[in-house]
Amino acid sequence: MRINAIAFSTNGCRTALRLRDALSEDDIRVFCKTSSDSLGVERIDGSVRDWTERSFMECEALVFIGATGIAVRHIAPFIKSKDRDPAVVSMDEHGRWAIALLSGHIGGCNALTDRIAQRLGAEPIVTTATDLNGRFSVDTFATVNGMRLSSLKIAKDVSARVLDGRFVGFSSDIPVSGELPEGLTMADSGEFGVRVSGDPLDRPFDVTLNLVPMDIVVGVGCKRGTDPDKLRDFVLRKLDDLGVARQRVGAVASIDLKKDEDAVLDLAGYLKAPASFYTADELNSVPGEFSESTFVRSVTDVDCVCERSAARASGGNSFLMRKTAEDGMTVAVCSRAFEARFV
């Protein structure tokens, strides 16, 4: 997880350094905005507002170490929706409290808050109703298992029904391990329910919340300056040819030479999937047999960007479509292993 943390005092910097050590498995970077001793923590040159805006775009989580009001004031202009906002945790400067402030379920803030509290010996403050009452959270279930929610409104209704003890059916065309949680009833139909399926239009309940596994990786390559509309249309047509719902795309992958390519970034944004970029060495280290292009190798040092990128991001070579080219653009599609479980 990419995390940016910011402190506002010497004590806060001390807690920021403890936090960095405690979350060493994450890509965590610590900053400060203080005229006092920073204990070696990097000071930000610009405003906290600018730092927050950049962090919202670049990070999966932010941690503010100081008064909660500081965090609230600075994140307020950038909050968009619960399926797009990063997790935001607020901590006091001594690290006694960890407060889940924003994006508790989908953004993973509640889980991050608990992890921080355990590692630093802090008291976690989590206020979402399902967590307080120890009930099933469909947002968390979807996020932990890498699934896309079809409707935030219906997801809220699932939580309300679970809390009220009203009927919520559950069905899946994919094996789901673990014990069915309290609040859900296995059912093939009914007035309201949750459906796990690769088909986002599969609606066995009168009102259905679809959970779509994000088990597809799209690897792409293109000429510099490719029209974003052109690449997007090309990829969407190929997904349609495969009968793959675009909601299943969990990553768009390419070589790091394309990390600033508007067409690739636009495609990832349209599909609401993260863009993953790899170096030539990382792509060349992927095992397997791939298409070869002398021209592509001369430019990138890789024989096939799209196939190797898809294989690297998916963790295997389960190709649904090998390299397909059109007018300077290439695409390959892989599926990745998918498992769902109740925890």
Protein backbone atom coordinates (compact mmCIF):
# COMPACT_ATOMS: atom_id res chain seq x y z
CA MET A 1 0.00 0.00 0.00
CA ARG A 2 1.33 3.47 -0.91
CA ILE A 3 0.95 5.65 2.19
CA ASN A 4 1.90 9.29 2.77
CA ALA A 5 2.05 10.48 6.39
CA ILE A 6 2.48 14.03 7.62
CA ALA A 7 3.28 15.37 11.09
CA PHE A 8 3.05 18.88 12.53
CA SER A 9 5.33 18.84 15.57
CA THR A 10 8.49 17.22 16.91
CA ASN A 11 6.44 14.67 18.83
CA GLY A 12 4.45 14.06 15.66
CA CYS A 13 7.68 13.45 13.73
CA ARG A 14 8.71 10.96 16.37
CA THR A 15 5.41 9.11 15.87
CA ALA A 16 5.80 9.33 12.07
CA LEU A 17 9.17 7.56 12.30
CA ARG A 18 7.66 4.88 14.52
CA LEU A 19 4.85 4.49 11.99
CA ARG A 20 7.30 4.11 9.11
CA ASP A 21 9.15 1.36 10.96
CA ALA A 22 5.90 -0.35 11.98
CA LEU A 23 4.56 -0.46 8.40
CA SER A 24 7.81 -1.47 6.73
CA GLU A 25 6.01 -3.82 4.34
CA ASP A 26 4.20 -0.86 2.80
CA ASP A 27 5.49 1.91 0.54
CA ILE A 28 5.22 4.54 3.27
CA ARG A 29 6.75 8.01 3.10
CA VAL A 30 6.79 10.47 6.00
CA PHE A 31 6.74 14.26 5.82
CA CYS A 32 6.30 17.17 8.18
CA LYS A 33 5.15 20.78 8.27
CA THR A 34 6.77 22.29 11.34
CA SER A 35 9.38 24.87 12.28
CA SER A 36 10.46 22.72 15.24
CA ASP A 37 12.99 19.89 15.18
CA SER A 38 11.86 17.42 12.51
CA LEU A 39 14.15 14.59 13.68
CA GLY A 40 15.21 14.10 10.09
CA VAL A 41 11.69 13.81 8.69
CA GLU A 42 11.41 15.50 5.29
CA ARG A 43 9.81 18.94 5.43
CA ILE A 44 7.33 19.86 2.70
CA ASP A 45 8.15 23.08 0.85
CA GLY A 46 4.65 24.01 -0.28
CA SER A 47 1.32 24.14 1.51
CA VAL A 48 -0.34 21.25 3.31
CA ARG A 49 -3.25 21.72 0.91
CA ASP A 50 -1.00 21.06 -2.09
CA TRP A 51 0.59 18.07 -0.32
CA THR A 52 -2.87 16.66 0.40
CA GLU A 53 -4.04 17.12 -3.19
CA ARG A 54 -0.98 15.30 -4.55
CA SER A 55 -1.35 12.55 -1.97
CA PHE A 56 -5.01 12.04 -2.88
CA MET A 57 -3.95 11.43 -6.48
CA GLU A 58 -0.87 9.30 -5.78
CA CYS A 59 -1.64 7.30 -2.64
CA GLU A 60 -3.94 4.62 -1.34
CA ALA A 61 -3.79 6.05 2.17
CA LEU A 62 -2.92 9.23 4.06
CA VAL A 63 -2.07 9.54 7.76
CA PHE A 64 -2.32 12.91 9.50
CA ILE A 65 -0.40 13.04 12.78
CA GLY A 66 -1.81 15.95 14.75
CA ALA A 67 -5.21 17.41 15.59
CA THR A 68 -8.11 15.74 13.78
CA GLY A 69 -9.35 19.17 12.73
CA ILE A 70 -6.19 19.67 10.67
CA ALA A 71 -6.94 16.50 8.72
CA VAL A 72 -10.61 17.39 8.23
CA ARG A 73 -9.85 20.88 6.92
CA HIS A 74 -7.26 19.71 4.45
CA ILE A 75 -9.01 16.66 3.00
CA ALA A 76 -12.43 18.35 2.65
CA PRO A 77 -11.81 19.96 -0.78
CA PHE A 78 -10.69 16.67 -2.32
CA ILE A 79 -13.31 14.18 -1.11
CA LYS A 80 -15.22 12.74 -4.08
CA SER A 81 -16.87 9.40 -3.30
CA LYS A 82 -16.34 6.32 -1.15
CA ASP A 83 -15.28 4.22 -4.13
CA ARG A 84 -12.59 6.70 -5.19
CA ASP A 85 -11.22 8.34 -2.05
CA PRO A 86 -8.06 7.04 -0.38
CA ALA A 87 -8.10 5.88 3.21
CA VAL A 88 -7.42 8.68 5.69
CA VAL A 89 -6.29 7.99 9.25
CA SER A 90 -5.90 10.69 11.91
CA MET A 91 -3.50 10.18 14.83
CA ASP A 92 -2.55 12.34 17.78
CA GLU A 93 1.10 13.39 17.98
CA HIS A 94 1.92 10.82 20.67
CA GLY A 95 0.36 7.93 18.75
CA ARG A 96 -2.17 7.09 21.47
CA TRP A 97 -5.19 7.12 19.15
CA ALA A 98 -5.73 6.02 15.56
CA ILE A 99 -8.98 7.30 14.05
CA ALA A 100 -10.49 5.87 10.84
CA LEU A 101 -11.57 9.10 9.17
CA LEU A 102 -12.39 8.38 5.54
CA SER A 103 -13.04 5.43 3.21
CA GLY A 104 -13.37 2.87 5.98
CA HIS A 105 -14.43 -0.14 3.95
CA ILE A 106 -13.67 0.21 0.23
CA GLY A 107 -10.54 2.27 0.81
CA GLY A 108 -9.40 -0.06 3.58
CA CYS A 109 -9.17 2.64 6.25
CA ASN A 110 -10.69 0.52 9.02
CA ALA A 111 -8.24 -2.31 8.37
CA LEU A 112 -5.31 0.12 8.19
CA THR A 113 -6.42 1.80 11.42
CA ASP A 114 -6.53 -1.54 13.21
CA ARG A 115 -3.11 -2.47 11.83
CA ILE A 116 -1.59 0.84 12.94
CA ALA A 117 -3.13 0.47 16.40
CA GLN A 118 -1.77 -3.04 16.82
CA ARG A 119 1.72 -2.11 15.66
CA LEU A 120 2.01 1.11 17.72
CA GLY A 121 -0.01 0.08 20.75
CA ALA A 122 -2.63 2.74 20.01
CA GLU A 123 -6.38 2.71 20.58
CA PRO A 124 -8.28 2.25 17.27
CA ILE A 125 -11.33 4.45 16.74
CA VAL A 126 -13.66 2.95 14.12
CA THR A 127 -17.19 4.33 13.89
CA THR A 128 -18.83 2.52 10.95
CA ALA A 129 -22.05 0.85 12.08
CA THR A 130 -21.37 -2.66 10.77
CA ASP A 131 -18.00 -2.74 12.50
CA LEU A 132 -19.41 -1.38 15.75
CA ASN A 133 -22.09 -4.07 15.77
CA GLY A 134 -19.85 -6.86 14.52
CA ARG A 135 -21.99 -7.40 11.42
CA PHE A 136 -21.23 -8.30 7.82
CA SER A 137 -19.95 -5.42 5.65
CA VAL A 138 -20.46 -6.04 1.95
CA ASP A 139 -18.04 -3.18 1.13
CA THR A 140 -15.25 -4.87 3.06
CA PHE A 141 -16.11 -8.30 1.65
CA ALA A 142 -15.87 -6.92 -1.88
CA THR A 143 -12.66 -4.98 -1.26
CA VAL A 144 -10.78 -7.76 0.54
CA ASN A 145 -11.68 -10.23 -2.21
CA GLY A 146 -10.94 -7.92 -5.14
CA MET A 147 -14.50 -7.44 -6.40
CA ARG A 148 -16.27 -4.43 -7.86
CA LEU A 149 -19.56 -3.19 -6.41
CA SER A 150 -22.27 -2.52 -8.98
CA SER A 151 -24.02 0.13 -6.87
CA LEU A 152 -22.93 2.11 -3.83
CA LYS A 153 -26.56 2.89 -3.05
CA ILE A 154 -27.58 -0.78 -2.98
CA ALA A 155 -24.45 -1.56 -0.95
CA LYS A 156 -25.66 0.93 1.68
CA ASP A 157 -29.05 -0.80 1.62
CA VAL A 158 -27.34 -4.15 2.24
CA SER A 159 -25.73 -2.74 5.40
CA ALA A 160 -29.02 -1.24 6.55
CA ARG A 161 -30.85 -4.53 6.05
CA VAL A 162 -28.15 -6.53 7.83
CA LEU A 163 -28.29 -4.16 10.79
CA ASP A 164 -32.11 -4.26 10.85
CA GLY A 165 -32.30 -8.05 10.50
CA ARG A 166 -34.15 -7.92 7.18
CA PHE A 167 -33.73 -10.51 4.41
CA VAL A 168 -30.56 -10.34 2.32
CA GLY A 169 -30.12 -13.26 -0.06
CA PHE A 170 -26.72 -14.43 -1.25
CA SER A 171 -25.75 -16.46 -4.30
CA SER A 172 -22.56 -16.98 -6.27
CA ASP A 173 -21.49 -18.74 -9.44
CA ILE A 174 -17.94 -18.78 -8.04
CA PRO A 175 -16.94 -20.91 -5.03
CA VAL A 176 -16.82 -18.85 -1.83
CA SER A 177 -15.12 -20.40 1.18
CA GLY A 178 -15.76 -19.69 4.83
CA GLU A 179 -18.91 -19.63 6.90
CA LEU A 180 -21.85 -17.58 5.62
CA PRO A 181 -22.01 -14.57 7.97
CA GLU A 182 -25.01 -13.66 10.05
CA GLY A 183 -27.34 -11.43 8.06
CA LEU A 184 -27.03 -13.32 4.76
CA THR A 185 -29.23 -16.20 3.58
CA MET A 186 -28.27 -18.57 0.78
CA ALA A 187 -30.96 -18.13 -1.87
CA ASP A 188 -31.47 -18.30 -5.62
CA SER A 189 -34.09 -15.54 -5.67
CA GLY A 190 -35.98 -13.13 -3.47
CA GLU A 191 -36.76 -9.48 -2.96
CA PHE A 192 -33.20 -8.39 -2.20
CA GLY A 193 -29.77 -9.97 -2.38
CA VAL A 194 -26.09 -10.08 -3.26
CA ARG A 195 -24.84 -11.92 -6.34
CA VAL A 196 -21.18 -12.81 -6.99
CA SER A 197 -20.68 -13.33 -10.71
CA GLY A 198 -18.48 -12.40 -13.64
CA ASP A 199 -21.65 -11.21 -15.36
CA PRO A 200 -22.65 -7.79 -13.96
CA LEU A 201 -26.13 -8.20 -15.51
CA ASP A 202 -26.85 -11.43 -13.65
CA ARG A 203 -29.66 -10.34 -11.31
CA PRO A 204 -31.46 -13.21 -9.59
CA PHE A 205 -33.03 -10.95 -6.93
CA ASP A 206 -35.65 -8.26 -7.41
CA VAL A 207 -33.00 -5.82 -6.20
CA THR A 208 -29.51 -7.23 -6.75
CA LEU A 209 -26.13 -5.96 -5.67
CA ASN A 210 -23.65 -7.47 -8.11
CA LEU A 211 -20.12 -8.17 -6.95
CA VAL A 212 -17.89 -8.61 -9.99
CA PRO A 213 -14.47 -10.28 -9.59
CA MET A 214 -11.71 -8.04 -10.95
CA ASP A 215 -9.81 -10.99 -12.35
CA ILE A 216 -8.80 -9.60 -15.75
CA VAL A 217 -5.55 -7.85 -16.64
CA VAL A 218 -5.15 -5.88 -19.86
CA GLY A 219 -1.62 -5.45 -21.16
CA VAL A 220 -1.15 -2.66 -23.68
CA GLY A 221 1.45 -1.05 -25.88
CA CYS A 222 1.16 1.91 -28.23
CA LYS A 223 3.05 4.51 -30.19
CA ARG A 224 3.97 7.69 -28.36
CA GLY A 225 1.14 10.24 -28.60
CA THR A 226 -1.60 7.71 -29.44
CA ASP A 227 -5.08 9.24 -29.27
CA PRO A 228 -6.65 8.12 -25.96
CA ASP A 229 -10.06 7.63 -27.61
CA LYS A 230 -8.47 5.39 -30.20
CA LEU A 231 -6.75 3.11 -27.68
CA ARG A 232 -9.83 2.96 -25.48
CA ASP A 233 -12.08 1.99 -28.40
CA PHE A 234 -9.59 -0.66 -29.53
CA VAL A 235 -9.33 -2.30 -26.10
CA LEU A 236 -13.07 -2.19 -25.41
CA ARG A 237 -13.80 -3.83 -28.75
CA LYS A 238 -11.40 -6.65 -27.95
CA LEU A 239 -12.95 -7.17 -24.51
CA ASP A 240 -16.36 -7.32 -26.17
CA ASP A 241 -15.04 -9.87 -28.68
CA LEU A 242 -13.93 -12.02 -25.72
CA GLY A 243 -17.28 -11.59 -23.96
CA VAL A 244 -15.45 -10.09 -20.96
CA ALA A 245 -17.34 -7.44 -19.01
CA ARG A 246 -15.21 -4.34 -18.62
CA GLN A 247 -16.10 -4.30 -14.90
CA ARG A 248 -13.86 -7.37 -14.53
CA VAL A 249 -10.71 -5.48 -15.48
CA GLY A 250 -8.59 -5.14 -12.36
CA ALA A 251 -5.41 -3.70 -13.88
CA VAL A 252 -4.02 -2.07 -17.02
CA ALA A 253 -0.34 -2.92 -17.47
CA SER A 254 2.49 -1.69 -19.67
CA ILE A 255 6.20 -0.87 -19.68
CA ASP A 256 7.45 2.01 -17.54
CA LEU A 257 8.28 3.97 -20.71
CA LYS A 258 4.50 4.50 -20.91
CA LYS A 259 3.92 5.70 -17.35
CA ASP A 260 3.20 9.21 -18.64
CA GLU A 261 1.36 8.12 -21.79
CA ASP A 262 -2.04 9.84 -21.81
CA ALA A 263 -3.71 7.03 -23.76
CA VAL A 264 -2.70 4.37 -21.22
CA LEU A 265 -3.59 6.51 -18.20
CA ASP A 266 -6.92 7.44 -19.78
CA LEU A 267 -7.72 3.77 -20.39
CA ALA A 268 -6.99 2.89 -16.76
CA GLY A 269 -9.11 5.79 -15.57
CA TYR A 270 -12.00 4.82 -17.82
CA LEU A 271 -11.90 1.23 -16.59
CA LYS A 272 -11.46 2.40 -12.96
CA ALA A 273 -8.47 0.09 -12.69
CA PRO A 274 -4.95 0.85 -11.47
CA ALA A 275 -2.22 1.27 -14.05
CA SER A 276 0.84 -0.91 -13.42
CA PHE A 277 4.15 -0.16 -15.13
CA TYR A 278 7.22 -2.40 -15.24
CA THR A 279 10.82 -1.97 -16.24
CA ALA A 280 12.29 -3.84 -19.19
CA ASP A 281 14.22 -6.08 -16.80
CA GLU A 282 11.04 -6.93 -14.88
CA LEU A 283 9.20 -7.79 -18.09
CA ASN A 284 12.08 -9.82 -19.51
CA SER A 285 12.20 -11.87 -16.32
CA VAL A 286 8.62 -13.14 -16.81
CA PRO A 287 8.82 -16.87 -17.66
CA GLY A 288 7.05 -18.29 -20.70
CA GLU A 289 6.89 -17.98 -24.46
CA PHE A 290 5.78 -14.67 -25.93
CA SER A 291 5.28 -13.04 -29.30
CA GLU A 292 8.38 -11.35 -30.65
CA SER A 293 8.90 -8.07 -32.44
CA THR A 294 12.36 -6.93 -33.50
CA PHE A 295 11.13 -3.35 -33.78
CA VAL A 296 9.58 -3.33 -30.30
CA ARG A 297 12.76 -4.80 -28.84
CA SER A 298 14.86 -2.09 -30.53
CA VAL A 299 12.73 0.60 -28.86
CA THR A 300 11.96 -0.95 -25.47
CA ASP A 301 14.49 -3.79 -24.94
CA VAL A 302 11.46 -6.10 -24.61
CA ASP A 303 10.22 -8.44 -27.34
CA CYS A 304 6.50 -8.02 -26.52
CA VAL A 305 5.27 -5.34 -24.14
CA CYS A 306 1.57 -6.17 -24.03
CA GLU A 307 1.86 -9.94 -23.41
CA ARG A 308 4.67 -9.69 -20.88
CA SER A 309 2.91 -6.84 -19.05
CA ALA A 310 -0.35 -8.78 -18.83
CA ALA A 311 1.45 -11.90 -17.62
CA ARG A 312 3.50 -9.94 -15.05
CA ALA A 313 0.50 -8.13 -13.59
CA SER A 314 -1.68 -11.25 -13.50
CA GLY A 315 0.96 -13.43 -11.88
CA GLY A 316 0.82 -16.05 -14.61
CA ASN A 317 0.33 -16.83 -18.28
CA SER A 318 -3.42 -17.52 -18.39
CA PHE A 319 -4.04 -15.73 -21.66
CA LEU A 320 -7.55 -15.14 -22.89
CA MET A 321 -6.09 -13.28 -25.86
CA ARG A 322 -2.53 -13.12 -27.09
CA LYS A 323 -1.02 -10.05 -28.72
CA THR A 324 -3.44 -8.34 -31.07
CA ALA A 325 -2.27 -5.31 -33.03
CA GLU A 326 -4.01 -2.46 -34.78
CA ASP A 327 -2.61 0.82 -36.11
CA GLY A 328 0.35 1.04 -33.75
CA MET A 329 -1.53 -0.31 -30.72
CA THR A 330 -1.25 -3.76 -29.12
CA VAL A 331 -3.30 -5.50 -26.46
CA ALA A 332 -3.16 -8.85 -24.65
CA VAL A 333 -5.58 -10.10 -22.00
CA CYS A 334 -4.87 -12.43 -19.08
CA SER A 335 -7.05 -13.79 -16.32
CA ARG A 336 -5.68 -14.15 -12.82
CA ALA A 337 -6.56 -16.68 -10.17
CA PHE A 338 -9.57 -15.60 -8.14
CA GLU A 339 -10.71 -16.79 -4.75
CA ALA A 340 -13.42 -15.38 -2.51
CA ARG A 341 -13.91 -16.13 1.14
CA PHE A 342 -15.82 -14.89 4.14
CA VAL A 343 -13.55 -13.90 7.00
